[in-house]
Amino acid sequence: MLSIDRPIVDAIVAHARRDHPDEACGVVAGPAGSDTPTRHIPMDNAARSMTFYEFDSMEQLRVWREMDDRDEEPVVIYHSHTATEAYPSRTDVAFAGEPGAHYLLVSTRDPATEEIRSFRIVDGVITEEPVHILDGDSVDANVDQHAVQSYMFGQSPATVDYECSGR
């Protein structure tokens, strides 16, 4: 389960809407070993694409070094999808290199709706997890707390095509 403060979620959604129609990306750092996201770090999408994100390698090196100097780690790695649901694509799964991180996706396809979902991605297996958005003392769950499911992409792209499903 990902527990994250409302101001951080608001900053992530604002970043995603600001960069729309390109995908936005960034991280939320937190103290190493805490699983607590505390510091939002918006990053540039070096690919400047509507369907793909890529951290700028020099910016990523700087941010990862900064986190190391502060004894932090990337607790959340986020990006947006601009025309599809907030669900990892095959490319997202292929580039998911932080097995301890929460992969937060924001869909900006509907400007009137805040669509966010969080996943763990380890060894090609996608596991959706609940998101608890912390508003001070109250907890707002935007995701069904019992909706944890695991998915694994098939080995035959001819029969499994999540990127073009239009869902």
Foldseek 3Di string as FASTA:
>chain_A
DQEAAPVLLVVQVVQQVVLPLFKWKWFFKDAPPPLYGDRTDTADFPVSHNADGDGDVVVVVVVCVVCVVVNIDGQEIEMEHEADAFDDFPVNLVPPDDQNHKYKYFYCPDVVDTHIWIWGRDPQKTWTAWYWHDDDPDTDTPDPRPPIDIDGDDPDCVVDHPSPPSD
